[in-house]
Amino acid sequence: MIPNMPFKPVPILLTASKITLRPLQHQDAHALFVAGNHLSFWQWVQPNYCASLLDTQAWVASSLAAQDRGEHLPFVIIDNQTQALLGTTRFCAIRVEDRSIDIGFTFICPQFQRTYANTQAKYVLLEHAFESLGAVRVEFKTHENNQQSRRAISNLGASFEGILRHQRILADGTLRNTALFSIIHTQWPEVKARLLHYVSSFE
């Protein structure tokens, strides 16, 4: 059954026990640059939005413009204990008529990778998408060769759907094959139980 609540993604504060997702603001550019200025993040992603502070400022501006157009909903990931900005994630490819949304553009500073940060961030995004927005489908996309990202998405409980060939032209002119994963609303109770188990392991 299709959920009957309004599907209207808007900027919102999403909180877990150890992290908070806060809507991106222009003044976050410097902290986001510091968190993302690691070449390893950008091996499979082009262009490098944190190559310089000016690049990050431009990326923040374009992200907020996409938010104004209703296309993206970008967040920064804040550590609740230290209030440090750990990275970023967002809802994107918002398709209101299909009640479908992507989660992407995620990076977390190295010292918080493989910790509670990503698991809790993905949990609150998925919970909001399925339980507050009434999404019927959430997608995840990553470079075909980005095995670390593919494992992380699979570990969430998302289903691998296949490879989208030549799905994107990258900044250097190469063609990207994209691995596509999804979670649909009928899967969410099972995925939620799985994620809650992981989240509780960090408590």
N, C-alpha and C. Protein backbone atom coordinates (compact mmCIF):
# COMPACT_ATOMS: atom_id res chain seq x y z
N MET A 1 0.84 -1.20 0.00
CA MET A 1 0.00 0.00 0.00
C MET A 1 0.88 1.25 0.00
N ILE A 2 0.51 2.23 -0.81
CA ILE A 2 1.27 3.48 -0.88
C ILE A 2 0.92 4.35 0.32
N PRO A 3 1.91 4.88 1.05
CA PRO A 3 1.62 5.75 2.20
C PRO A 3 0.80 6.95 1.77
N ASN A 4 -0.05 7.44 2.67
CA ASN A 4 -0.94 8.54 2.29
C ASN A 4 -0.54 9.87 2.90
N MET A 5 0.61 9.94 3.64
CA MET A 5 1.04 11.23 4.15
C MET A 5 1.71 12.06 3.05
N PRO A 6 1.70 13.39 3.17
CA PRO A 6 2.32 14.24 2.14
C PRO A 6 3.81 13.95 2.01
N PHE A 7 4.29 13.83 0.78
CA PHE A 7 5.72 13.63 0.51
C PHE A 7 6.32 15.00 0.20
N LYS A 8 6.78 15.68 1.25
CA LYS A 8 7.28 17.05 1.11
C LYS A 8 8.59 17.21 1.87
N PRO A 9 9.71 16.81 1.27
CA PRO A 9 11.01 16.97 1.94
C PRO A 9 11.35 18.45 2.12
N VAL A 10 11.62 18.85 3.35
CA VAL A 10 12.01 20.22 3.67
C VAL A 10 13.16 20.17 4.67
N PRO A 11 13.95 21.25 4.77
CA PRO A 11 15.05 21.26 5.75
C PRO A 11 14.53 20.96 7.15
N ILE A 12 15.26 20.08 7.85
CA ILE A 12 14.82 19.63 9.17
C ILE A 12 16.03 19.17 9.96
N LEU A 13 15.97 19.27 11.27
CA LEU A 13 17.00 18.77 12.16
C LEU A 13 16.67 17.31 12.50
N LEU A 14 17.63 16.42 12.27
CA LEU A 14 17.45 15.00 12.56
C LEU A 14 18.51 14.58 13.58
N THR A 15 18.07 13.97 14.68
CA THR A 15 18.98 13.71 15.79
C THR A 15 18.99 12.25 16.18
N ALA A 16 20.19 11.71 16.42
CA ALA A 16 20.39 10.40 17.00
C ALA A 16 21.14 10.58 18.32
N SER A 17 21.50 9.48 18.96
CA SER A 17 22.12 9.60 20.28
C SER A 17 23.49 10.26 20.22
N LYS A 18 24.24 10.05 19.14
CA LYS A 18 25.61 10.54 19.08
C LYS A 18 25.87 11.57 17.99
N ILE A 19 24.96 11.67 17.02
CA ILE A 19 25.14 12.66 15.95
C ILE A 19 23.84 13.39 15.69
N THR A 20 23.98 14.56 15.08
CA THR A 20 22.83 15.33 14.62
C THR A 20 23.07 15.72 13.17
N LEU A 21 22.04 15.59 12.35
CA LEU A 21 22.08 16.11 10.99
C LEU A 21 21.39 17.46 10.99
N ARG A 22 22.17 18.48 10.67
CA ARG A 22 21.64 19.85 10.62
C ARG A 22 21.66 20.33 9.18
N PRO A 23 20.63 21.06 8.75
CA PRO A 23 20.64 21.59 7.39
C PRO A 23 21.91 22.41 7.11
N LEU A 24 22.49 22.19 5.94
CA LEU A 24 23.68 22.91 5.51
C LEU A 24 23.43 24.41 5.47
N GLN A 25 24.45 25.18 5.88
CA GLN A 25 24.40 26.64 5.83
C GLN A 25 25.67 27.16 5.15
N HIS A 26 25.60 28.38 4.63
CA HIS A 26 26.77 28.97 3.97
C HIS A 26 27.99 29.01 4.89
N GLN A 27 27.76 29.28 6.16
CA GLN A 27 28.89 29.43 7.09
C GLN A 27 29.54 28.09 7.44
N ASP A 28 29.02 26.99 6.95
CA ASP A 28 29.64 25.68 7.19
C ASP A 28 30.80 25.40 6.24
N ALA A 29 31.05 26.27 5.27
CA ALA A 29 32.00 25.95 4.20
C ALA A 29 33.39 25.63 4.74
N HIS A 30 33.91 26.43 5.68
CA HIS A 30 35.28 26.20 6.15
C HIS A 30 35.39 24.87 6.88
N ALA A 31 34.47 24.58 7.78
CA ALA A 31 34.51 23.31 8.52
C ALA A 31 34.31 22.13 7.58
N LEU A 32 33.49 22.30 6.57
CA LEU A 32 33.26 21.24 5.59
C LEU A 32 34.52 21.01 4.76
N PHE A 33 35.22 22.07 4.42
CA PHE A 33 36.49 21.95 3.69
C PHE A 33 37.51 21.18 4.52
N VAL A 34 37.61 21.49 5.80
CA VAL A 34 38.55 20.78 6.67
C VAL A 34 38.19 19.30 6.76
N ALA A 35 36.91 19.00 6.91
CA ALA A 35 36.48 17.61 7.03
C ALA A 35 36.69 16.83 5.75
N GLY A 36 36.56 17.52 4.61
CA GLY A 36 36.59 16.81 3.33
C GLY A 36 37.88 16.93 2.55
N ASN A 37 38.87 17.62 3.08
CA ASN A 37 40.12 17.85 2.35
C ASN A 37 41.07 16.65 2.50
N HIS A 38 40.61 15.52 1.98
CA HIS A 38 41.38 14.27 2.01
C HIS A 38 41.25 13.61 0.64
N LEU A 39 42.34 13.44 -0.06
CA LEU A 39 42.29 12.96 -1.43
C LEU A 39 41.60 11.60 -1.55
N SER A 40 41.71 10.78 -0.50
CA SER A 40 41.11 9.45 -0.57
C SER A 40 39.60 9.51 -0.77
N PHE A 41 38.97 10.58 -0.31
CA PHE A 41 37.52 10.72 -0.48
C PHE A 41 37.12 10.82 -1.95
N TRP A 42 38.02 11.36 -2.76
CA TRP A 42 37.65 11.80 -4.09
C TRP A 42 38.19 10.88 -5.18
N GLN A 43 38.68 9.70 -4.79
CA GLN A 43 39.18 8.76 -5.78
C GLN A 43 38.11 8.38 -6.79
N TRP A 44 36.89 8.19 -6.30
CA TRP A 44 35.81 7.74 -7.16
C TRP A 44 34.77 8.83 -7.43
N VAL A 45 35.02 10.02 -6.92
CA VAL A 45 34.05 11.11 -7.06
C VAL A 45 34.74 12.29 -7.73
N GLN A 46 34.14 12.83 -8.76
CA GLN A 46 34.64 14.02 -9.42
C GLN A 46 33.48 14.98 -9.67
N PRO A 47 33.77 16.30 -9.58
CA PRO A 47 35.03 16.89 -9.17
C PRO A 47 35.25 16.81 -7.66
N ASN A 48 36.45 17.17 -7.21
CA ASN A 48 36.79 17.23 -5.80
C ASN A 48 36.24 18.55 -5.24
N TYR A 49 35.15 18.46 -4.50
CA TYR A 49 34.51 19.67 -3.99
C TYR A 49 35.27 20.30 -2.83
N CYS A 50 36.27 19.61 -2.32
CA CYS A 50 37.07 20.15 -1.22
C CYS A 50 38.53 20.31 -1.62
N ALA A 51 38.80 20.52 -2.90
CA ALA A 51 40.18 20.73 -3.35
C ALA A 51 40.73 22.04 -2.80
N SER A 52 39.87 23.01 -2.59
CA SER A 52 40.26 24.29 -1.99
C SER A 52 39.04 24.84 -1.26
N LEU A 53 39.29 25.83 -0.41
CA LEU A 53 38.17 26.45 0.29
C LEU A 53 37.21 27.10 -0.68
N LEU A 54 37.74 27.71 -1.75
CA LEU A 54 36.86 28.33 -2.76
C LEU A 54 35.97 27.29 -3.43
N ASP A 55 36.53 26.10 -3.70
CA ASP A 55 35.73 25.04 -4.29
C ASP A 55 34.60 24.63 -3.34
N THR A 56 34.93 24.52 -2.05
CA THR A 56 33.91 24.12 -1.08
C THR A 56 32.84 25.20 -0.94
N GLN A 57 33.25 26.46 -0.92
CA GLN A 57 32.27 27.54 -0.85
C GLN A 57 31.33 27.52 -2.05
N ALA A 58 31.89 27.25 -3.23
CA ALA A 58 31.05 27.17 -4.43
C ALA A 58 30.11 25.98 -4.36
N TRP A 59 30.61 24.86 -3.82
CA TRP A 59 29.78 23.66 -3.69
C TRP A 59 28.63 23.91 -2.71
N VAL A 60 28.92 24.56 -1.59
CA VAL A 60 27.87 24.87 -0.63
C VAL A 60 26.82 25.76 -1.29
N ALA A 61 27.26 26.77 -2.03
CA ALA A 61 26.31 27.67 -2.70
C ALA A 61 25.44 26.91 -3.70
N SER A 62 26.06 26.03 -4.49
CA SER A 62 25.27 25.28 -5.48
C SER A 62 24.34 24.28 -4.80
N SER A 63 24.78 23.72 -3.67
CA SER A 63 23.93 22.78 -2.94
C SER A 63 22.71 23.47 -2.37
N LEU A 64 22.89 24.68 -1.85
CA LEU A 64 21.76 25.42 -1.31
C LEU A 64 20.83 25.91 -2.42
N ALA A 65 21.40 26.18 -3.59
CA ALA A 65 20.56 26.54 -4.73
C ALA A 65 19.72 25.33 -5.16
N ALA A 66 20.31 24.14 -5.13
CA ALA A 66 19.56 22.92 -5.45
C ALA A 66 18.47 22.68 -4.42
N GLN A 67 18.74 23.03 -3.16
CA GLN A 67 17.72 22.92 -2.12
C GLN A 67 16.56 23.87 -2.42
N ASP A 68 16.87 25.08 -2.83
CA ASP A 68 15.83 26.06 -3.15
C ASP A 68 14.95 25.58 -4.30
N ARG A 69 15.56 24.79 -5.21
CA ARG A 69 14.80 24.27 -6.36
C ARG A 69 14.03 22.99 -6.01
N GLY A 70 14.19 22.51 -4.78
CA GLY A 70 13.51 21.29 -4.37
C GLY A 70 14.16 20.02 -4.87
N GLU A 71 15.44 20.10 -5.28
CA GLU A 71 16.13 18.95 -5.86
C GLU A 71 16.97 18.20 -4.82
N HIS A 72 17.58 18.92 -3.90
CA HIS A 72 18.46 18.32 -2.89
C HIS A 72 18.07 18.84 -1.51
N LEU A 73 18.47 18.07 -0.48
CA LEU A 73 18.28 18.49 0.91
C LEU A 73 19.58 18.15 1.64
N PRO A 74 20.57 19.06 1.63
CA PRO A 74 21.89 18.76 2.19
C PRO A 74 21.96 18.99 3.70
N PHE A 75 22.73 18.12 4.36
CA PHE A 75 22.94 18.20 5.81
C PHE A 75 24.44 18.18 6.11
N VAL A 76 24.81 18.74 7.26
CA VAL A 76 26.11 18.48 7.84
C VAL A 76 25.91 17.53 9.02
N ILE A 77 26.93 16.71 9.26
CA ILE A 77 26.89 15.72 10.33
C ILE A 77 27.65 16.29 11.52
N ILE A 78 26.98 16.47 12.65
CA ILE A 78 27.57 17.09 13.83
C ILE A 78 27.69 16.04 14.94
N ASP A 79 28.86 15.97 15.56
CA ASP A 79 29.04 15.09 16.72
C ASP A 79 28.39 15.74 17.93
N ASN A 80 27.48 15.03 18.59
CA ASN A 80 26.73 15.62 19.69
C ASN A 80 27.62 15.99 20.88
N GLN A 81 28.66 15.22 21.13
CA GLN A 81 29.49 15.47 22.31
C GLN A 81 30.41 16.67 22.12
N THR A 82 31.06 16.76 20.95
CA THR A 82 32.05 17.82 20.73
C THR A 82 31.51 18.98 19.91
N GLN A 83 30.38 18.77 19.25
CA GLN A 83 29.80 19.74 18.32
C GLN A 83 30.69 19.97 17.09
N ALA A 84 31.61 19.05 16.84
CA ALA A 84 32.46 19.14 15.66
C ALA A 84 31.68 18.72 14.42
N LEU A 85 31.99 19.36 13.30
CA LEU A 85 31.40 18.97 12.03
C LEU A 85 32.21 17.81 11.46
N LEU A 86 31.57 16.65 11.30
CA LEU A 86 32.27 15.43 10.90
C LEU A 86 32.22 15.20 9.40
N GLY A 87 31.27 15.80 8.72
CA GLY A 87 31.12 15.55 7.30
C GLY A 87 29.77 15.99 6.81
N THR A 88 29.30 15.34 5.76
CA THR A 88 28.05 15.77 5.13
C THR A 88 27.34 14.58 4.49
N THR A 89 26.05 14.73 4.29
CA THR A 89 25.23 13.77 3.56
C THR A 89 24.00 14.53 3.08
N ARG A 90 23.20 13.89 2.25
CA ARG A 90 22.00 14.61 1.79
C ARG A 90 20.98 13.67 1.17
N PHE A 91 19.75 14.16 1.12
CA PHE A 91 18.74 13.63 0.23
C PHE A 91 18.95 14.31 -1.12
N CYS A 92 18.83 13.55 -2.19
CA CYS A 92 18.98 14.12 -3.52
C CYS A 92 18.10 13.35 -4.50
N ALA A 93 18.10 13.78 -5.76
CA ALA A 93 17.24 13.16 -6.77
C ALA A 93 15.83 12.96 -6.23
N ILE A 94 15.27 14.02 -5.67
CA ILE A 94 13.94 13.95 -5.05
C ILE A 94 12.87 13.90 -6.14
N ARG A 95 12.08 12.83 -6.12
CA ARG A 95 11.04 12.64 -7.14
C ARG A 95 9.68 12.55 -6.41
N VAL A 96 9.08 13.70 -6.22
CA VAL A 96 7.87 13.80 -5.40
C VAL A 96 6.75 12.93 -5.95
N GLU A 97 6.58 12.95 -7.27
CA GLU A 97 5.45 12.22 -7.87
C GLU A 97 5.57 10.71 -7.68
N ASP A 98 6.81 10.22 -7.50
CA ASP A 98 7.03 8.78 -7.30
C ASP A 98 7.33 8.42 -5.85
N ARG A 99 7.33 9.42 -4.96
CA ARG A 99 7.65 9.21 -3.55
C ARG A 99 8.99 8.48 -3.41
N SER A 100 9.96 8.95 -4.19
CA SER A 100 11.27 8.31 -4.26
C SER A 100 12.35 9.35 -4.00
N ILE A 101 13.45 8.90 -3.38
CA ILE A 101 14.50 9.83 -2.98
C ILE A 101 15.82 9.08 -2.90
N ASP A 102 16.92 9.77 -3.17
CA ASP A 102 18.26 9.19 -3.04
C ASP A 102 18.92 9.71 -1.77
N ILE A 103 19.83 8.91 -1.23
CA ILE A 103 20.76 9.37 -0.19
C ILE A 103 22.15 9.30 -0.79
N GLY A 104 22.88 10.41 -0.73
CA GLY A 104 24.21 10.43 -1.34
C GLY A 104 25.04 11.61 -0.90
N PHE A 105 26.12 11.86 -1.65
CA PHE A 105 27.06 12.94 -1.36
C PHE A 105 27.57 12.86 0.07
N THR A 106 27.84 11.64 0.53
CA THR A 106 28.23 11.43 1.92
C THR A 106 29.74 11.31 2.05
N PHE A 107 30.33 12.07 2.95
CA PHE A 107 31.69 11.77 3.42
C PHE A 107 31.80 12.13 4.88
N ILE A 108 32.68 11.43 5.57
CA ILE A 108 32.91 11.62 7.00
C ILE A 108 34.41 11.66 7.22
N CYS A 109 34.89 12.60 8.02
CA CYS A 109 36.33 12.77 8.23
C CYS A 109 36.96 11.46 8.71
N PRO A 110 38.22 11.20 8.34
CA PRO A 110 38.83 9.88 8.54
C PRO A 110 38.72 9.32 9.95
N GLN A 111 38.91 10.17 10.97
CA GLN A 111 38.94 9.65 12.34
C GLN A 111 37.57 9.16 12.81
N PHE A 112 36.50 9.50 12.06
CA PHE A 112 35.16 9.04 12.44
C PHE A 112 34.59 8.02 11.45
N GLN A 113 35.40 7.59 10.50
CA GLN A 113 34.95 6.52 9.62
C GLN A 113 34.94 5.19 10.37
N ARG A 114 34.01 4.33 9.99
CA ARG A 114 33.82 3.02 10.63
C ARG A 114 33.51 3.17 12.13
N THR A 115 32.83 4.25 12.46
CA THR A 115 32.33 4.46 13.82
C THR A 115 30.81 4.61 13.74
N TYR A 116 30.25 5.14 14.81
CA TYR A 116 28.80 5.36 14.87
C TYR A 116 28.30 6.40 13.87
N ALA A 117 29.19 7.26 13.36
CA ALA A 117 28.74 8.44 12.61
C ALA A 117 27.92 8.07 11.38
N ASN A 118 28.46 7.22 10.52
CA ASN A 118 27.75 6.89 9.29
C ASN A 118 26.49 6.08 9.56
N THR A 119 26.59 5.10 10.46
CA THR A 119 25.42 4.25 10.74
C THR A 119 24.27 5.07 11.30
N GLN A 120 24.56 5.96 12.25
CA GLN A 120 23.48 6.76 12.82
C GLN A 120 22.94 7.77 11.81
N ALA A 121 23.82 8.33 10.98
CA ALA A 121 23.36 9.28 9.97
C ALA A 121 22.42 8.60 8.98
N LYS A 122 22.81 7.42 8.50
CA LYS A 122 21.96 6.72 7.54
C LYS A 122 20.65 6.28 8.20
N TYR A 123 20.73 5.88 9.47
CA TYR A 123 19.50 5.45 10.15
C TYR A 123 18.48 6.58 10.24
N VAL A 124 18.92 7.77 10.68
CA VAL A 124 17.94 8.85 10.84
C VAL A 124 17.41 9.33 9.49
N LEU A 125 18.24 9.27 8.44
CA LEU A 125 17.77 9.64 7.12
C LEU A 125 16.71 8.65 6.62
N LEU A 126 17.00 7.37 6.77
CA LEU A 126 16.05 6.35 6.33
C LEU A 126 14.76 6.39 7.15
N GLU A 127 14.90 6.55 8.45
CA GLU A 127 13.71 6.63 9.30
C GLU A 127 12.84 7.82 8.88
N HIS A 128 13.48 8.95 8.63
CA HIS A 128 12.71 10.14 8.22
C HIS A 128 12.06 9.91 6.86
N ALA A 129 12.82 9.32 5.92
CA ALA A 129 12.29 9.10 4.58
C ALA A 129 11.06 8.20 4.60
N PHE A 130 11.14 7.08 5.30
CA PHE A 130 10.05 6.11 5.27
C PHE A 130 8.92 6.44 6.25
N GLU A 131 9.24 6.96 7.43
CA GLU A 131 8.23 7.11 8.46
C GLU A 131 7.63 8.51 8.54
N SER A 132 8.39 9.53 8.12
CA SER A 132 7.85 10.89 8.16
C SER A 132 7.42 11.38 6.78
N LEU A 133 8.20 11.05 5.75
CA LEU A 133 7.87 11.50 4.40
C LEU A 133 6.97 10.52 3.67
N GLY A 134 6.99 9.25 4.09
CA GLY A 134 6.21 8.25 3.38
C GLY A 134 6.81 7.85 2.06
N ALA A 135 8.15 7.80 1.98
CA ALA A 135 8.81 7.35 0.76
C ALA A 135 8.47 5.89 0.49
N VAL A 136 8.42 5.54 -0.78
CA VAL A 136 8.25 4.13 -1.13
C VAL A 136 9.55 3.52 -1.64
N ARG A 137 10.54 4.38 -1.91
CA ARG A 137 11.81 3.88 -2.43
C ARG A 137 12.92 4.86 -2.07
N VAL A 138 14.04 4.34 -1.56
CA VAL A 138 15.25 5.13 -1.31
C VAL A 138 16.38 4.47 -2.08
N GLU A 139 17.08 5.26 -2.88
CA GLU A 139 18.17 4.74 -3.70
C GLU A 139 19.53 5.19 -3.17
N PHE A 140 20.53 4.36 -3.45
CA PHE A 140 21.93 4.69 -3.20
C PHE A 140 22.70 4.38 -4.48
N LYS A 141 23.57 5.28 -4.90
CA LYS A 141 24.39 5.07 -6.09
C LYS A 141 25.86 5.32 -5.75
N THR A 142 26.74 4.52 -6.34
CA THR A 142 28.17 4.72 -6.14
C THR A 142 28.91 4.20 -7.36
N HIS A 143 30.16 4.61 -7.49
CA HIS A 143 30.99 4.16 -8.60
C HIS A 143 31.06 2.63 -8.59
N GLU A 144 30.99 2.05 -9.76
CA GLU A 144 31.05 0.59 -9.88
C GLU A 144 32.26 0.00 -9.16
N ASN A 145 33.40 0.71 -9.18
CA ASN A 145 34.65 0.18 -8.61
C ASN A 145 34.89 0.59 -7.17
N ASN A 146 33.98 1.35 -6.58
CA ASN A 146 34.16 1.80 -5.19
C ASN A 146 33.66 0.70 -4.26
N GLN A 147 34.52 -0.28 -4.02
CA GLN A 147 34.11 -1.44 -3.24
C GLN A 147 33.80 -1.09 -1.79
N GLN A 148 34.53 -0.14 -1.21
CA GLN A 148 34.26 0.26 0.18
C GLN A 148 32.85 0.82 0.31
N SER A 149 32.47 1.69 -0.61
CA SER A 149 31.13 2.27 -0.57
C SER A 149 30.07 1.20 -0.83
N ARG A 150 30.34 0.31 -1.76
CA ARG A 150 29.36 -0.75 -2.06
C ARG A 150 29.14 -1.65 -0.85
N ARG A 151 30.22 -1.98 -0.14
CA ARG A 151 30.07 -2.81 1.07
C ARG A 151 29.26 -2.08 2.12
N ALA A 152 29.55 -0.78 2.31
CA ALA A 152 28.84 -0.01 3.33
C ALA A 152 27.35 0.07 3.02
N ILE A 153 27.00 0.25 1.75
CA ILE A 153 25.59 0.32 1.37
C ILE A 153 24.92 -1.04 1.58
N SER A 154 25.61 -2.10 1.18
CA SER A 154 25.05 -3.45 1.38
C SER A 154 24.83 -3.73 2.86
N ASN A 155 25.77 -3.27 3.70
CA ASN A 155 25.66 -3.52 5.13
C ASN A 155 24.45 -2.82 5.75
N LEU A 156 23.95 -1.78 5.10
CA LEU A 156 22.74 -1.13 5.58
C LEU A 156 21.51 -2.02 5.39
N GLY A 157 21.61 -2.97 4.48
CA GLY A 157 20.47 -3.81 4.14
C GLY A 157 19.86 -3.45 2.80
N ALA A 158 20.53 -2.56 2.04
CA ALA A 158 20.03 -2.20 0.72
C ALA A 158 20.25 -3.33 -0.28
N SER A 159 19.37 -3.45 -1.24
CA SER A 159 19.45 -4.49 -2.27
C SER A 159 20.19 -3.96 -3.49
N PHE A 160 21.15 -4.74 -3.98
CA PHE A 160 21.87 -4.39 -5.20
C PHE A 160 20.98 -4.68 -6.40
N GLU A 161 20.79 -3.67 -7.25
CA GLU A 161 19.89 -3.83 -8.40
C GLU A 161 20.61 -3.96 -9.72
N GLY A 162 21.90 -3.61 -9.77
CA GLY A 162 22.62 -3.75 -11.03
C GLY A 162 23.53 -2.57 -11.31
N ILE A 163 24.14 -2.58 -12.48
CA ILE A 163 25.07 -1.55 -12.91
C ILE A 163 24.42 -0.69 -13.98
N LEU A 164 24.40 0.61 -13.76
CA LEU A 164 23.94 1.57 -14.76
C LEU A 164 25.16 1.96 -15.60
N ARG A 165 25.21 1.49 -16.82
CA ARG A 165 26.38 1.69 -17.66
C ARG A 165 26.45 3.11 -18.19
N HIS A 166 27.65 3.71 -18.09
CA HIS A 166 27.88 5.07 -18.59
C HIS A 166 26.82 6.03 -18.06
N GLN A 167 26.56 5.92 -16.76
CA GLN A 167 25.47 6.70 -16.16
C GLN A 167 25.85 8.16 -15.95
N ARG A 168 27.16 8.43 -15.87
CA ARG A 168 27.58 9.80 -15.56
C ARG A 168 28.88 10.12 -16.30
N ILE A 169 28.97 11.35 -16.83
CA ILE A 169 30.23 11.84 -17.39
C ILE A 169 30.96 12.61 -16.30
N LEU A 170 32.15 12.13 -15.91
CA LEU A 170 32.90 12.75 -14.83
C LEU A 170 33.65 13.98 -15.32
N ALA A 171 34.18 14.74 -14.36
CA ALA A 171 34.82 16.01 -14.67
C ALA A 171 36.02 15.85 -15.61
N ASP A 172 36.69 14.68 -15.56
CA ASP A 172 37.85 14.46 -16.44
C ASP A 172 37.45 13.89 -17.79
N GLY A 173 36.15 13.78 -18.04
CA GLY A 173 35.67 13.28 -19.32
C GLY A 173 35.46 11.79 -19.39
N THR A 174 35.83 11.05 -18.35
CA THR A 174 35.61 9.61 -18.36
C THR A 174 34.14 9.30 -18.05
N LEU A 175 33.73 8.11 -18.45
CA LEU A 175 32.35 7.68 -18.24
C LEU A 175 32.28 6.76 -17.03
N ARG A 176 31.36 7.03 -16.13
CA ARG A 176 31.21 6.25 -14.91
C ARG A 176 30.10 5.24 -15.04
N ASN A 177 30.43 3.99 -14.72
CA ASN A 177 29.41 2.97 -14.49
C ASN A 177 29.03 3.03 -13.03
N THR A 178 27.74 3.01 -12.74
CA THR A 178 27.23 3.25 -11.39
C THR A 178 26.53 2.01 -10.84
N ALA A 179 26.92 1.63 -9.62
CA ALA A 179 26.24 0.54 -8.93
C ALA A 179 25.00 1.12 -8.24
N LEU A 180 23.86 0.50 -8.48
CA LEU A 180 22.58 0.99 -7.96
C LEU A 180 22.05 0.04 -6.88
N PHE A 181 21.70 0.62 -5.74
CA PHE A 181 21.11 -0.11 -4.62
C PHE A 181 19.80 0.58 -4.24
N SER A 182 18.91 -0.15 -3.58
CA SER A 182 17.68 0.49 -3.10
C SER A 182 17.15 -0.23 -1.87
N ILE A 183 16.34 0.51 -1.14
CA ILE A 183 15.48 -0.04 -0.09
C ILE A 183 14.08 0.43 -0.40
N ILE A 184 13.11 -0.48 -0.40
CA ILE A 184 11.72 -0.09 -0.63
C ILE A 184 10.94 -0.16 0.69
N HIS A 185 9.80 0.48 0.70
CA HIS A 185 9.10 0.69 1.98
C HIS A 185 8.68 -0.62 2.64
N THR A 186 8.43 -1.65 1.84
CA THR A 186 8.05 -2.92 2.45
C THR A 186 9.23 -3.62 3.11
N GLN A 187 10.44 -3.26 2.73
CA GLN A 187 11.66 -3.79 3.36
C GLN A 187 12.03 -3.05 4.63
N TRP A 188 11.51 -1.85 4.80
CA TRP A 188 11.99 -0.98 5.86
C TRP A 188 11.91 -1.60 7.26
N PRO A 189 10.83 -2.27 7.66
CA PRO A 189 10.83 -2.85 9.02
C PRO A 189 12.01 -3.79 9.27
N GLU A 190 12.34 -4.62 8.28
CA GLU A 190 13.46 -5.53 8.45
C GLU A 190 14.78 -4.78 8.48
N VAL A 191 14.94 -3.80 7.57
CA VAL A 191 16.17 -3.01 7.54
C VAL A 191 16.30 -2.19 8.82
N LYS A 192 15.19 -1.65 9.32
CA LYS A 192 15.21 -0.86 10.55
C LYS A 192 15.70 -1.70 11.72
N ALA A 193 15.21 -2.92 11.84
CA ALA A 193 15.66 -3.80 12.94
C ALA A 193 17.16 -4.07 12.83
N ARG A 194 17.63 -4.28 11.63
CA ARG A 194 19.05 -4.52 11.39
C ARG A 194 19.88 -3.31 11.81
N LEU A 195 19.43 -2.13 11.39
CA LEU A 195 20.18 -0.92 11.72
C LEU A 195 20.13 -0.60 13.20
N LEU A 196 18.99 -0.82 13.83
CA LEU A 196 18.90 -0.57 15.27
C LEU A 196 19.87 -1.45 16.04
N HIS A 197 20.09 -2.66 15.55
CA HIS A 197 21.08 -3.54 16.18
C HIS A 197 22.46 -2.92 16.08
N TYR A 198 22.82 -2.40 14.90
CA TYR A 198 24.12 -1.76 14.74
C TYR A 198 24.23 -0.49 15.58
N VAL A 199 23.16 0.31 15.57
CA VAL A 199 23.17 1.56 16.34
C VAL A 199 23.36 1.26 17.83
N SER A 200 22.67 0.25 18.34
CA SER A 200 22.77 -0.06 19.78
C SER A 200 24.16 -0.54 20.15
N SER A 201 24.91 -1.08 19.19
CA SER A 201 26.27 -1.56 19.50
C SER A 201 27.21 -0.41 19.80
N PHE A 202 26.84 0.81 19.41
CA PHE A 202 27.67 1.99 19.67
C PHE A 202 27.25 2.74 20.93
N GLU A 203 26.19 2.28 21.58
CA GLU A 203 25.69 3.01 22.76
C GLU A 203 26.59 2.76 23.98
